[in-house]
PDB file of all heavy atoms in Angstrom:
ATOM      1  N   ASP A   1      -2.699   6.011   0.737  1.00  0.00           N
ATOM      2  CA  ASP A   1      -2.656   7.431   1.114  1.00  0.00           C
ATOM      3  C   ASP A   1      -3.283   7.656   2.489  1.00  0.00           C
ATOM      4  O   ASP A   1      -2.771   8.460   3.292  1.00  0.00           O
ATOM      5  CB  ASP A   1      -3.377   8.280   0.070  1.00  0.00           C
ATOM      6  CG  ASP A   1      -2.635   8.348  -1.259  1.00  0.00           C
ATOM      7  OD1 ASP A   1      -1.445   7.984  -1.295  1.00  0.00           O
ATOM      8  OD2 ASP A   1      -3.267   8.747  -2.265  1.00  0.00           O
ATOM      9  N   SER A   2      -4.385   6.971   2.764  1.00  0.00           N
ATOM     10  CA  SER A   2      -5.075   7.136   4.048  1.00  0.00           C
ATOM     11  C   SER A   2      -4.205   6.677   5.208  1.00  0.00           C
ATOM     12  O   SER A   2      -4.213   7.287   6.291  1.00  0.00           O
ATOM     13  CB  SER A   2      -6.389   6.340   4.041  1.00  0.00           C
ATOM     14  OG  SER A   2      -7.239   6.776   3.011  1.00  0.00           O
ATOM     15  N   THR A   3      -3.461   5.605   4.984  1.00  0.00           N
ATOM     16  CA  THR A   3      -2.612   5.063   6.047  1.00  0.00           C
ATOM     17  C   THR A   3      -1.341   5.890   6.208  1.00  0.00           C
ATOM     18  O   THR A   3      -0.907   6.157   7.342  1.00  0.00           O
ATOM     19  CB  THR A   3      -2.258   3.598   5.740  1.00  0.00           C
ATOM     20  OG1 THR A   3      -3.459   2.878   5.464  1.00  0.00           O
ATOM     21  CG2 THR A   3      -1.557   2.950   6.929  1.00  0.00           C
ATOM     22  N   ARG A   4      -0.770   6.313   5.110  1.00  0.00           N
ATOM     23  CA  ARG A   4       0.416   7.173   5.186  1.00  0.00           C
ATOM     24  C   ARG A   4       0.117   8.477   5.915  1.00  0.00           C
ATOM     25  O   ARG A   4       0.973   9.041   6.609  1.00  0.00           O
ATOM     26  CB  ARG A   4       0.917   7.481   3.780  1.00  0.00           C
ATOM     27  CG  ARG A   4       1.809   6.402   3.187  1.00  0.00           C
ATOM     28  CD  ARG A   4       2.303   6.812   1.832  1.00  0.00           C
ATOM     29  NE  ARG A   4       3.266   5.863   1.287  1.00  0.00           N
ATOM     30  CZ  ARG A   4       3.457   5.633   0.002  1.00  0.00           C
ATOM     31  NH1 ARG A   4       2.736   6.307  -0.882  1.00  0.00           N
ATOM     32  NH2 ARG A   4       4.353   4.766  -0.397  1.00  0.00           N
ATOM     33  N   ALA A   5      -1.087   8.982   5.751  1.00  0.00           N
ATOM     34  CA  ALA A   5      -1.458  10.276   6.338  1.00  0.00           C
ATOM     35  C   ALA A   5      -1.395  10.266   7.858  1.00  0.00           C
ATOM     36  O   ALA A   5      -1.247  11.322   8.481  1.00  0.00           O
ATOM     37  CB  ALA A   5      -2.852  10.689   5.869  1.00  0.00           C
ATOM     38  N   VAL A   6      -1.510   9.083   8.473  1.00  0.00           N
ATOM     39  CA  VAL A   6      -1.543   9.013   9.942  1.00  0.00           C
ATOM     40  C   VAL A   6      -0.360   8.258  10.536  1.00  0.00           C
ATOM     41  O   VAL A   6      -0.209   8.225  11.755  1.00  0.00           O
ATOM     42  CB  VAL A   6      -2.852   8.345  10.423  1.00  0.00           C
ATOM     43  CG1 VAL A   6      -4.060   9.152   9.963  1.00  0.00           C
ATOM     44  CG2 VAL A   6      -2.957   6.898   9.964  1.00  0.00           C
ATOM     45  N   ARG A   7       0.501   7.667   9.724  1.00  0.00           N
ATOM     46  CA  ARG A   7       1.504   6.752  10.258  1.00  0.00           C
ATOM     47  C   ARG A   7       2.535   7.427  11.167  1.00  0.00           C
ATOM     48  O   ARG A   7       3.194   6.748  11.957  1.00  0.00           O
ATOM     49  CB  ARG A   7       2.214   5.997   9.140  1.00  0.00           C
ATOM     50  CG  ARG A   7       3.227   6.769   8.338  1.00  0.00           C
ATOM     51  CD  ARG A   7       3.989   5.850   7.393  1.00  0.00           C
ATOM     52  NE  ARG A   7       4.685   4.788   8.103  1.00  0.00           N
ATOM     53  CZ  ARG A   7       5.363   3.807   7.516  1.00  0.00           C
ATOM     54  NH1 ARG A   7       5.431   3.757   6.184  1.00  0.00           N
ATOM     55  NH2 ARG A   7       5.986   2.888   8.223  1.00  0.00           N
ATOM     56  N   ASN A   8       2.699   8.737  11.071  1.00  0.00           N
ATOM     57  CA  ASN A   8       3.661   9.437  11.921  1.00  0.00           C
ATOM     58  C   ASN A   8       3.062   9.912  13.234  1.00  0.00           C
ATOM     59  O   ASN A   8       3.740  10.584  14.020  1.00  0.00           O
ATOM     60  CB  ASN A   8       4.256  10.629  11.164  1.00  0.00           C
ATOM     61  CG  ASN A   8       5.143  10.185  10.013  1.00  0.00           C
ATOM     62  OD1 ASN A   8       5.821   9.161  10.091  1.00  0.00           O
ATOM     63  ND2 ASN A   8       5.133  10.955   8.935  1.00  0.00           N
ATOM     64  N   ASP A   9       1.816   9.542  13.499  1.00  0.00           N
ATOM     65  CA  ASP A   9       1.217   9.877  14.786  1.00  0.00           C
ATOM     66  C   ASP A   9       1.994   9.182  15.900  1.00  0.00           C
ATOM     67  O   ASP A   9       2.335   7.995  15.787  1.00  0.00           O
ATOM     68  CB  ASP A   9      -0.253   9.415  14.807  1.00  0.00           C
ATOM     69  CG  ASP A   9      -1.004   9.945  16.011  1.00  0.00           C
ATOM     70  OD1 ASP A   9      -0.706   9.504  17.144  1.00  0.00           O
ATOM     71  OD2 ASP A   9      -1.909  10.777  15.831  1.00  0.00           O
ATOM     72  N   PRO A  10       2.310   9.879  16.996  1.00  0.00           N
ATOM     73  CA  PRO A  10       3.077   9.269  18.094  1.00  0.00           C
ATOM     74  C   PRO A  10       2.465   7.987  18.653  1.00  0.00           C
ATOM     75  O   PRO A  10       3.192   7.112  19.141  1.00  0.00           O
ATOM     76  CB  PRO A  10       3.103  10.366  19.159  1.00  0.00           C
ATOM     77  CG  PRO A  10       2.940  11.638  18.397  1.00  0.00           C
ATOM     78  CD  PRO A  10       2.045  11.305  17.243  1.00  0.00           C
ATOM     79  N   LYS A  11       1.151   7.856  18.557  1.00  0.00           N
ATOM     80  CA  LYS A  11       0.502   6.638  19.055  1.00  0.00           C
ATOM     81  C   LYS A  11       0.897   5.406  18.245  1.00  0.00           C
ATOM     82  O   LYS A  11       0.708   4.269  18.701  1.00  0.00           O
ATOM     83  CB  LYS A  11      -1.024   6.801  19.026  1.00  0.00           C
ATOM     84  CG  LYS A  11      -1.569   7.833  19.996  1.00  0.00           C
ATOM     85  CD  LYS A  11      -3.081   7.914  19.874  1.00  0.00           C
ATOM     86  CE  LYS A  11      -3.666   8.961  20.799  1.00  0.00           C
ATOM     87  NZ  LYS A  11      -5.145   9.061  20.643  1.00  0.00           N
ATOM     88  N   LEU A  12       1.421   5.610  17.048  1.00  0.00           N
ATOM     89  CA  LEU A  12       1.783   4.503  16.161  1.00  0.00           C
ATOM     90  C   LEU A  12       3.298   4.296  16.098  1.00  0.00           C
ATOM     91  O   LEU A  12       3.798   3.665  15.172  1.00  0.00           O
ATOM     92  CB  LEU A  12       1.245   4.764  14.751  1.00  0.00           C
ATOM     93  CG  LEU A  12      -0.266   4.942  14.632  1.00  0.00           C
ATOM     94  CD1 LEU A  12      -0.648   5.378  13.217  1.00  0.00           C
ATOM     95  CD2 LEU A  12      -0.995   3.655  14.988  1.00  0.00           C
ATOM     96  N   ALA A  13       4.003   4.796  17.102  1.00  0.00           N
ATOM     97  CA  ALA A  13       5.466   4.754  17.067  1.00  0.00           C
ATOM     98  C   ALA A  13       6.039   3.359  17.318  1.00  0.00           C
ATOM     99  O   ALA A  13       7.223   3.130  17.050  1.00  0.00           O
ATOM    100  CB  ALA A  13       6.035   5.731  18.095  1.00  0.00           C
ATOM    101  N   ASP A  14       5.237   2.448  17.812  1.00  0.00           N
ATOM    102  CA  ASP A  14       5.727   1.094  18.094  1.00  0.00           C
ATOM    103  C   ASP A  14       6.376   0.497  16.840  1.00  0.00           C
ATOM    104  O   ASP A  14       5.769   0.503  15.761  1.00  0.00           O
ATOM    105  CB  ASP A  14       4.559   0.213  18.539  1.00  0.00           C
ATOM    106  CG  ASP A  14       4.987  -1.223  18.769  1.00  0.00           C
ATOM    107  OD1 ASP A  14       5.671  -1.483  19.763  1.00  0.00           O
ATOM    108  OD2 ASP A  14       4.651  -2.081  17.918  1.00  0.00           O
ATOM    109  N   PRO A  15       7.610  -0.032  16.949  1.00  0.00           N
ATOM    110  CA  PRO A  15       8.311  -0.560  15.767  1.00  0.00           C
ATOM    111  C   PRO A  15       7.555  -1.665  15.036  1.00  0.00           C
ATOM    112  O   PRO A  15       7.585  -1.732  13.798  1.00  0.00           O
ATOM    113  CB  PRO A  15       9.633  -1.075  16.346  1.00  0.00           C
ATOM    114  CG  PRO A  15       9.838  -0.279  17.594  1.00  0.00           C
ATOM    115  CD  PRO A  15       8.466  -0.041  18.146  1.00  0.00           C
ATOM    116  N   TYR A  16       6.893  -2.537  15.791  1.00  0.00           N
ATOM    117  CA  TYR A  16       6.125  -3.598  15.146  1.00  0.00           C
ATOM    118  C   TYR A  16       4.991  -3.017  14.307  1.00  0.00           C
ATOM    119  O   TYR A  16       4.762  -3.442  13.170  1.00  0.00           O
ATOM    120  CB  TYR A  16       5.558  -4.567  16.186  1.00  0.00           C
ATOM    121  CG  TYR A  16       4.687  -5.636  15.585  1.00  0.00           C
ATOM    122  CD1 TYR A  16       5.246  -6.752  14.955  1.00  0.00           C
ATOM    123  CD2 TYR A  16       3.289  -5.528  15.626  1.00  0.00           C
ATOM    124  CE1 TYR A  16       4.446  -7.719  14.383  1.00  0.00           C
ATOM    125  CE2 TYR A  16       2.488  -6.503  15.050  1.00  0.00           C
ATOM    126  CZ  TYR A  16       3.073  -7.594  14.442  1.00  0.00           C
ATOM    127  OH  TYR A  16       2.271  -8.559  13.864  1.00  0.00           O
ATOM    128  N   MET A  17       4.297  -2.026  14.865  1.00  0.00           N
ATOM    129  CA  MET A  17       3.214  -1.380  14.127  1.00  0.00           C
ATOM    130  C   MET A  17       3.744  -0.714  12.867  1.00  0.00           C
ATOM    131  O   MET A  17       3.148  -0.828  11.788  1.00  0.00           O
ATOM    132  CB  MET A  17       2.505  -0.350  15.004  1.00  0.00           C
ATOM    133  CG  MET A  17       1.366   0.402  14.320  1.00  0.00           C
ATOM    134  SD  MET A  17      -0.067  -0.639  13.982  1.00  0.00           S
ATOM    135  CE  MET A  17      -0.824  -0.664  15.623  1.00  0.00           C
ATOM    136  N   GLN A  18       4.874  -0.045  12.973  1.00  0.00           N
ATOM    137  CA  GLN A  18       5.455   0.609  11.800  1.00  0.00           C
ATOM    138  C   GLN A  18       5.870  -0.419  10.741  1.00  0.00           C
ATOM    139  O   GLN A  18       5.723  -0.179   9.538  1.00  0.00           O
ATOM    140  CB  GLN A  18       6.654   1.460  12.222  1.00  0.00           C
ATOM    141  CG  GLN A  18       6.271   2.746  12.942  1.00  0.00           C
ATOM    142  CD  GLN A  18       5.527   3.715  12.049  1.00  0.00           C
ATOM    143  OE1 GLN A  18       5.858   3.908  10.876  1.00  0.00           O
ATOM    144  NE2 GLN A  18       4.487   4.350  12.602  1.00  0.00           N
ATOM    145  N   LYS A  19       6.376  -1.547  11.181  1.00  0.00           N
ATOM    146  CA  LYS A  19       6.751  -2.603  10.243  1.00  0.00           C
ATOM    147  C   LYS A  19       5.526  -3.138   9.507  1.00  0.00           C
ATOM    148  O   LYS A  19       5.558  -3.356   8.283  1.00  0.00           O
ATOM    149  CB  LYS A  19       7.441  -3.738  10.991  1.00  0.00           C
ATOM    150  CG  LYS A  19       7.887  -4.896  10.100  1.00  0.00           C
ATOM    151  CD  LYS A  19       8.540  -5.990  10.921  1.00  0.00           C
ATOM    152  CE  LYS A  19       8.930  -7.174  10.030  1.00  0.00           C
ATOM    153  NZ  LYS A  19       9.542  -8.272  10.813  1.00  0.00           N
ATOM    154  N   GLU A  20       4.435  -3.334  10.244  1.00  0.00           N
ATOM    155  CA  GLU A  20       3.199  -3.813   9.630  1.00  0.00           C
ATOM    156  C   GLU A  20       2.625  -2.803   8.634  1.00  0.00           C
ATOM    157  O   GLU A  20       2.132  -3.171   7.569  1.00  0.00           O
ATOM    158  CB  GLU A  20       2.166  -4.140  10.720  1.00  0.00           C
ATOM    159  CG  GLU A  20       2.497  -5.367  11.548  1.00  0.00           C
ATOM    160  CD  GLU A  20       2.498  -6.625  10.698  1.00  0.00           C
ATOM    161  OE1 GLU A  20       1.416  -7.031  10.228  1.00  0.00           O
ATOM    162  OE2 GLU A  20       3.591  -7.193  10.484  1.00  0.00           O
ATOM    163  N   ILE A  21       2.694  -1.526   8.996  1.00  0.00           N
ATOM    164  CA  ILE A  21       2.208  -0.481   8.092  1.00  0.00           C
ATOM    165  C   ILE A  21       3.033  -0.466   6.810  1.00  0.00           C
ATOM    166  O   ILE A  21       2.488  -0.373   5.698  1.00  0.00           O
ATOM    167  CB  ILE A  21       2.246   0.895   8.784  1.00  0.00           C
ATOM    168  CG1 ILE A  21       1.192   0.959   9.889  1.00  0.00           C
ATOM    169  CG2 ILE A  21       2.010   2.021   7.766  1.00  0.00           C
ATOM    170  CD1 ILE A  21       1.290   2.203  10.756  1.00  0.00           C
ATOM    171  N   SER A  22       4.339  -0.580   6.946  1.00  0.00           N
ATOM    172  CA  SER A  22       5.208  -0.586   5.759  1.00  0.00           C
ATOM    173  C   SER A  22       4.902  -1.781   4.864  1.00  0.00           C
ATOM    174  O   SER A  22       4.859  -1.648   3.628  1.00  0.00           O
ATOM    175  CB  SER A  22       6.683  -0.616   6.189  1.00  0.00           C
ATOM    176  OG  SER A  22       7.037   0.586   6.846  1.00  0.00           O
ATOM    177  N   ALA A  23       4.686  -2.946   5.475  1.00  0.00           N
ATOM    178  CA  ALA A  23       4.363  -4.144   4.698  1.00  0.00           C
ATOM    179  C   ALA A  23       3.025  -3.981   3.990  1.00  0.00           C
ATOM    180  O   ALA A  23       2.873  -4.354   2.817  1.00  0.00           O
ATOM    181  CB  ALA A  23       4.340  -5.367   5.606  1.00  0.00           C
ATOM    182  N   PHE A  24       2.059  -3.408   4.692  1.00  0.00           N
ATOM    183  CA  PHE A  24       0.744  -3.159   4.106  1.00  0.00           C
ATOM    184  C   PHE A  24       0.856  -2.240   2.886  1.00  0.00           C
ATOM    185  O   PHE A  24       0.311  -2.536   1.812  1.00  0.00           O
ATOM    186  CB  PHE A  24      -0.183  -2.528   5.153  1.00  0.00           C
ATOM    187  CG  PHE A  24      -1.443  -1.933   4.598  1.00  0.00           C
ATOM    188  CD1 PHE A  24      -2.514  -2.743   4.257  1.00  0.00           C
ATOM    189  CD2 PHE A  24      -1.555  -0.560   4.412  1.00  0.00           C
ATOM    190  CE1 PHE A  24      -3.679  -2.189   3.725  1.00  0.00           C
ATOM    191  CE2 PHE A  24      -2.723  -0.012   3.890  1.00  0.00           C
ATOM    192  CZ  PHE A  24      -3.781  -0.822   3.544  1.00  0.00           C
ATOM    193  N   ILE A  25       1.571  -1.135   3.041  1.00  0.00           N
ATOM    194  CA  ILE A  25       1.729  -0.180   1.938  1.00  0.00           C
ATOM    195  C   ILE A  25       2.416  -0.844   0.753  1.00  0.00           C
ATOM    196  O   ILE A  25       2.006  -0.668  -0.404  1.00  0.00           O
ATOM    197  CB  ILE A  25       2.514   1.056   2.419  1.00  0.00           C
ATOM    198  CG1 ILE A  25       1.645   1.891   3.368  1.00  0.00           C
ATOM    199  CG2 ILE A  25       2.981   1.902   1.234  1.00  0.00           C
ATOM    200  CD1 ILE A  25       2.380   3.037   4.038  1.00  0.00           C
ATOM    201  N   GLY A  26       3.460  -1.631   1.022  1.00  0.00           N
ATOM    202  CA  GLY A  26       4.174  -2.305  -0.056  1.00  0.00           C
ATOM    203  C   GLY A  26       3.303  -3.290  -0.806  1.00  0.00           C
ATOM    204  O   GLY A  26       3.329  -3.344  -2.042  1.00  0.00           O
ATOM    205  N   GLN A  27       2.518  -4.081  -0.069  1.00  0.00           N
ATOM    206  CA  GLN A  27       1.653  -5.059  -0.716  1.00  0.00           C
ATOM    207  C   GLN A  27       0.566  -4.381  -1.536  1.00  0.00           C
ATOM    208  O   GLN A  27       0.290  -4.776  -2.677  1.00  0.00           O
ATOM    209  CB  GLN A  27       1.030  -5.990   0.330  1.00  0.00           C
ATOM    210  CG  GLN A  27       2.021  -6.985   0.909  1.00  0.00           C
ATOM    211  CD  GLN A  27       1.371  -7.964   1.874  1.00  0.00           C
ATOM    212  OE1 GLN A  27       0.420  -7.626   2.586  1.00  0.00           O
ATOM    213  NE2 GLN A  27       1.873  -9.179   1.906  1.00  0.00           N
ATOM    214  N   GLU A  28      -0.057  -3.339  -0.984  1.00  0.00           N
ATOM    215  CA  GLU A  28      -1.129  -2.672  -1.705  1.00  0.00           C
ATOM    216  C   GLU A  28      -0.607  -1.987  -2.969  1.00  0.00           C
ATOM    217  O   GLU A  28      -1.275  -1.985  -4.013  1.00  0.00           O
ATOM    218  CB  GLU A  28      -1.825  -1.647  -0.798  1.00  0.00           C
ATOM    219  CG  GLU A  28      -2.624  -2.256   0.349  1.00  0.00           C
ATOM    220  CD  GLU A  28      -3.859  -2.993  -0.113  1.00  0.00           C
ATOM    221  OE1 GLU A  28      -3.742  -3.912  -0.958  1.00  0.00           O
ATOM    222  OE2 GLU A  28      -4.946  -2.657   0.361  1.00  0.00           O
ATOM    223  N   ALA A  29       0.576  -1.414  -2.887  1.00  0.00           N
ATOM    224  CA  ALA A  29       1.162  -0.786  -4.065  1.00  0.00           C
ATOM    225  C   ALA A  29       1.412  -1.824  -5.157  1.00  0.00           C
ATOM    226  O   ALA A  29       1.193  -1.560  -6.352  1.00  0.00           O
ATOM    227  CB  ALA A  29       2.464  -0.077  -3.694  1.00  0.00           C
ATOM    228  N   MET A  30       1.863  -3.006  -4.768  1.00  0.00           N
ATOM    229  CA  MET A  30       2.107  -4.057  -5.744  1.00  0.00           C
ATOM    230  C   MET A  30       0.799  -4.570  -6.346  1.00  0.00           C
ATOM    231  O   MET A  30       0.719  -4.840  -7.552  1.00  0.00           O
ATOM    232  CB  MET A  30       2.877  -5.212  -5.100  1.00  0.00           C
ATOM    233  CG  MET A  30       3.338  -6.276  -6.085  1.00  0.00           C
ATOM    234  SD  MET A  30       4.437  -5.634  -7.365  1.00  0.00           S
ATOM    235  CE  MET A  30       5.898  -5.279  -6.393  1.00  0.00           C
ATOM    236  N   HIS A  31      -0.249  -4.689  -5.539  1.00  0.00           N
ATOM    237  CA  HIS A  31      -1.552  -5.107  -6.063  1.00  0.00           C
ATOM    238  C   HIS A  31      -2.021  -4.131  -7.134  1.00  0.00           C
ATOM    239  O   HIS A  31      -2.504  -4.528  -8.203  1.00  0.00           O
ATOM    240  CB  HIS A  31      -2.605  -5.157  -4.943  1.00  0.00           C
ATOM    241  CG  HIS A  31      -2.286  -6.128  -3.854  1.00  0.00           C
ATOM    242  ND1 HIS A  31      -2.940  -6.125  -2.647  1.00  0.00           N
ATOM    243  CD2 HIS A  31      -1.385  -7.138  -3.792  1.00  0.00           C
ATOM    244  CE1 HIS A  31      -2.450  -7.086  -1.879  1.00  0.00           C
ATOM    245  NE2 HIS A  31      -1.505  -7.713  -2.566  1.00  0.00           N
ATOM    246  N   SER A  32      -1.908  -2.835  -6.824  1.00  0.00           N
ATOM    247  CA  SER A  32      -2.335  -1.818  -7.773  1.00  0.00           C
ATOM    248  C   SER A  32      -1.563  -1.943  -9.083  1.00  0.00           C
ATOM    249  O   SER A  32      -2.150  -1.889 -10.176  1.00  0.00           O
ATOM    250  CB  SER A  32      -2.125  -0.427  -7.161  1.00  0.00           C
ATOM    251  OG  SER A  32      -2.537   0.579  -8.049  1.00  0.00           O
ATOM    252  N   LYS A  33      -0.255  -2.135  -8.985  1.00  0.00           N
ATOM    253  CA  LYS A  33       0.586  -2.259 -10.174  1.00  0.00           C
ATOM    254  C   LYS A  33       0.137  -3.419 -11.059  1.00  0.00           C
ATOM    255  O   LYS A  33       0.014  -3.277 -12.282  1.00  0.00           O
ATOM    256  CB  LYS A  33       2.041  -2.460  -9.749  1.00  0.00           C
ATOM    257  CG  LYS A  33       2.993  -2.846 -10.888  1.00  0.00           C
ATOM    258  CD  LYS A  33       4.382  -3.102 -10.352  1.00  0.00           C
ATOM    259  CE  LYS A  33       5.327  -3.622 -11.438  1.00  0.00           C
ATOM    260  NZ  LYS A  33       4.970  -4.961 -11.922  1.00  0.00           N
ATOM    261  N   GLU A  34      -0.112  -4.579 -10.454  1.00  0.00           N
ATOM    262  CA  GLU A  34      -0.466  -5.755 -11.242  1.00  0.00           C
ATOM    263  C   GLU A  34      -1.858  -5.634 -11.849  1.00  0.00           C
ATOM    264  O   GLU A  34      -2.094  -6.071 -12.978  1.00  0.00           O
ATOM    265  CB  GLU A  34      -0.348  -7.020 -10.396  1.00  0.00           C
ATOM    266  CG  GLU A  34       1.065  -7.308  -9.896  1.00  0.00           C
ATOM    267  CD  GLU A  34       2.074  -7.481 -11.024  1.00  0.00           C
ATOM    268  OE1 GLU A  34       1.679  -7.727 -12.186  1.00  0.00           O
ATOM    269  OE2 GLU A  34       3.288  -7.351 -10.761  1.00  0.00           O
ATOM    270  N   HIS A  35      -2.794  -5.038 -11.118  1.00  0.00           N
ATOM    271  CA  HIS A  35      -4.138  -4.877 -11.680  1.00  0.00           C
ATOM    272  C   HIS A  35      -4.152  -3.826 -12.787  1.00  0.00           C
ATOM    273  O   HIS A  35      -4.935  -3.942 -13.731  1.00  0.00           O
ATOM    274  CB  HIS A  35      -5.142  -4.558 -10.578  1.00  0.00           C
ATOM    275  CG  HIS A  35      -5.592  -5.782  -9.829  1.00  0.00           C
ATOM    276  ND1 HIS A  35      -6.576  -6.622 -10.300  1.00  0.00           N
ATOM    277  CD2 HIS A  35      -5.140  -6.330  -8.681  1.00  0.00           C
ATOM    278  CE1 HIS A  35      -6.731  -7.626  -9.455  1.00  0.00           C
ATOM    279  NE2 HIS A  35      -5.871  -7.474  -8.467  1.00  0.00           N
ATOM    280  N   VAL A  36      -3.291  -2.819 -12.691  1.00  0.00           N
ATOM    281  CA  VAL A  36      -3.141  -1.882 -13.809  1.00  0.00           C
ATOM    282  C   VAL A  36      -2.682  -2.646 -15.047  1.00  0.00           C
ATOM    283  O   VAL A  36      -3.186  -2.431 -16.159  1.00  0.00           O
ATOM    284  CB  VAL A  36      -2.139  -0.762 -13.458  1.00  0.00           C
ATOM    285  CG1 VAL A  36      -1.710  -0.004 -14.720  1.00  0.00           C
ATOM    286  CG2 VAL A  36      -2.756   0.219 -12.473  1.00  0.00           C
ATOM    287  N   GLY A  37      -1.733  -3.571 -14.865  1.00  0.00           N
ATOM    288  CA  GLY A  37      -1.255  -4.374 -15.987  1.00  0.00           C
ATOM    289  C   GLY A  37      -2.351  -5.208 -16.609  1.00  0.00           C
ATOM    290  O   GLY A  37      -2.493  -5.252 -17.849  1.00  0.00           O
ATOM    291  N   PHE A  38      -3.153  -5.866 -15.774  1.00  0.00           N
ATOM    292  CA  PHE A  38      -4.261  -6.651 -16.325  1.00  0.00           C
ATOM    293  C   PHE A  38      -5.291  -5.758 -17.000  1.00  0.00           C
ATOM    294  O   PHE A  38      -5.792  -6.065 -18.092  1.00  0.00           O
ATOM    295  CB  PHE A  38      -4.949  -7.486 -15.246  1.00  0.00           C
ATOM    296  CG  PHE A  38      -6.317  -7.941 -15.666  1.00  0.00           C
ATOM    297  CD1 PHE A  38      -6.462  -8.817 -16.732  1.00  0.00           C
ATOM    298  CD2 PHE A  38      -7.460  -7.446 -15.057  1.00  0.00           C
ATOM    299  CE1 PHE A  38      -7.723  -9.208 -17.171  1.00  0.00           C
ATOM    300  CE2 PHE A  38      -8.717  -7.839 -15.490  1.00  0.00           C
ATOM    301  CZ  PHE A  38      -8.850  -8.726 -16.548  1.00  0.00           C
ATOM    302  N   ASN A  39      -5.634  -4.641 -16.357  1.00  0.00           N
ATOM    303  CA  ASN A  39      -6.633  -3.741 -16.927  1.00  0.00           C
ATOM    304  C   ASN A  39      -6.214  -3.228 -18.303  1.00  0.00           C
ATOM    305  O   ASN A  39      -7.043  -3.054 -19.194  1.00  0.00           O
ATOM    306  CB  ASN A  39      -6.891  -2.571 -15.973  1.00  0.00           C
ATOM    307  CG  ASN A  39      -7.566  -3.007 -14.679  1.00  0.00           C
ATOM    308  OD1 ASN A  39      -8.063  -4.131 -14.570  1.00  0.00           O
ATOM    309  ND2 ASN A  39      -7.564  -2.143 -13.690  1.00  0.00           N
ATOM    310  N   GLN A  40      -4.926  -2.991 -18.468  1.00  0.00           N
ATOM    311  CA  GLN A  40      -4.432  -2.566 -19.775  1.00  0.00           C
ATOM    312  C   GLN A  40      -4.624  -3.664 -20.822  1.00  0.00           C
ATOM    313  O   GLN A  40      -4.934  -3.380 -21.983  1.00  0.00           O
ATOM    314  CB  GLN A  40      -2.951  -2.181 -19.665  1.00  0.00           C
ATOM    315  CG  GLN A  40      -2.716  -0.883 -18.928  1.00  0.00           C
ATOM    316  CD  GLN A  40      -1.243  -0.590 -18.703  1.00  0.00           C
ATOM    317  OE1 GLN A  40      -0.386  -1.469 -18.826  1.00  0.00           O
ATOM    318  NE2 GLN A  40      -0.926   0.654 -18.354  1.00  0.00           N
ATOM    319  N   SER A  41      -4.469  -4.917 -20.388  1.00  0.00           N
ATOM    320  CA  SER A  41      -4.674  -6.018 -21.333  1.00  0.00           C
ATOM    321  C   SER A  41      -6.143  -6.138 -21.729  1.00  0.00           C
ATOM    322  O   SER A  41      -6.466  -6.488 -22.862  1.00  0.00           O
ATOM    323  CB  SER A  41      -4.171  -7.341 -20.737  1.00  0.00           C
ATOM    324  OG  SER A  41      -5.037  -7.843 -19.744  1.00  0.00           O
ATOM    325  N   ALA A  42      -7.055  -5.824 -20.785  1.00  0.00           N
ATOM    326  CA  ALA A  42      -8.484  -5.832 -21.116  1.00  0.00           C
ATOM    327  C   ALA A  42      -8.816  -4.690 -22.079  1.00  0.00           C
ATOM    328  O   ALA A  42      -9.658  -4.838 -22.967  1.00  0.00           O
ATOM    329  CB  ALA A  42      -9.319  -5.720 -19.840  1.00  0.00           C
ATOM    330  N   ASN A  43      -8.151  -3.549 -21.893  1.00  0.00           N
ATOM    331  CA  ASN A  43      -8.324  -2.438 -22.839  1.00  0.00           C
ATOM    332  C   ASN A  43      -7.938  -2.846 -24.251  1.00  0.00           C
ATOM    333  O   ASN A  43      -8.525  -2.365 -25.226  1.00  0.00           O
ATOM    334  CB  ASN A  43      -7.471  -1.238 -22.400  1.00  0.00           C
ATOM    335  CG  ASN A  43      -8.175  -0.360 -21.387  1.00  0.00           C
ATOM    336  OD1 ASN A  43      -9.250   0.157 -21.631  1.00  0.00           O
ATOM    337  ND2 ASN A  43      -7.563  -0.193 -20.228  1.00  0.00           N
ATOM    338  N   PHE A  44      -6.955  -3.719 -24.368  1.00  0.00           N
ATOM    339  CA  PHE A  44      -6.491  -4.175 -25.681  1.00  0.00           C
ATOM    340  C   PHE A  44      -7.625  -4.832 -26.472  1.00  0.00           C
ATOM    341  O   PHE A  44      -7.681  -4.736 -27.690  1.00  0.00           O
ATOM    342  CB  PHE A  44      -5.335  -5.157 -25.506  1.00  0.00           C
ATOM    343  CG  PHE A  44      -4.859  -5.792 -26.780  1.00  0.00           C
ATOM    344  CD1 PHE A  44      -4.030  -5.098 -27.657  1.00  0.00           C
ATOM    345  CD2 PHE A  44      -5.244  -7.078 -27.129  1.00  0.00           C
ATOM    346  CE1 PHE A  44      -3.595  -5.683 -28.839  1.00  0.00           C
ATOM    347  CE2 PHE A  44      -4.815  -7.668 -28.314  1.00  0.00           C
ATOM    348  CZ  PHE A  44      -3.987  -6.971 -29.168  1.00  0.00           C
ATOM    349  N   TYR A  45      -8.549  -5.493 -25.747  1.00  0.00           N
ATOM    350  CA  TYR A  45      -9.681  -6.152 -26.405  1.00  0.00           C
ATOM    351  C   TYR A  45     -10.849  -5.193 -26.648  1.00  0.00           C
ATOM    352  O   TYR A  45     -11.915  -5.613 -27.102  1.00  0.00           O
ATOM    353  CB  TYR A  45     -10.158  -7.334 -25.565  1.00  0.00           C
ATOM    354  CG  TYR A  45      -9.192  -8.500 -25.545  1.00  0.00           C
ATOM    355  CD1 TYR A  45      -8.465  -8.807 -24.404  1.00  0.00           C
ATOM    356  CD2 TYR A  45      -9.004  -9.295 -26.677  1.00  0.00           C
ATOM    357  CE1 TYR A  45      -7.576  -9.881 -24.370  1.00  0.00           C
ATOM    358  CE2 TYR A  45      -8.121 -10.368 -26.664  1.00  0.00           C
ATOM    359  CZ  TYR A  45      -7.414 -10.655 -25.508  1.00  0.00           C
ATOM    360  OH  TYR A  45      -6.532 -11.717 -25.496  1.00  0.00           O
TER     361      TYR A  45
END
């Protein structure tokens, strides 16, 4: 959320920077998803 809030700033318009931001957001979203899955398994115990 913090990174999305600023990504449309004109200073960040460089395509490489935008590509890196997109990759970062995608990876972090996937990390959250997998840790939610593990945390649910710990709740099971």
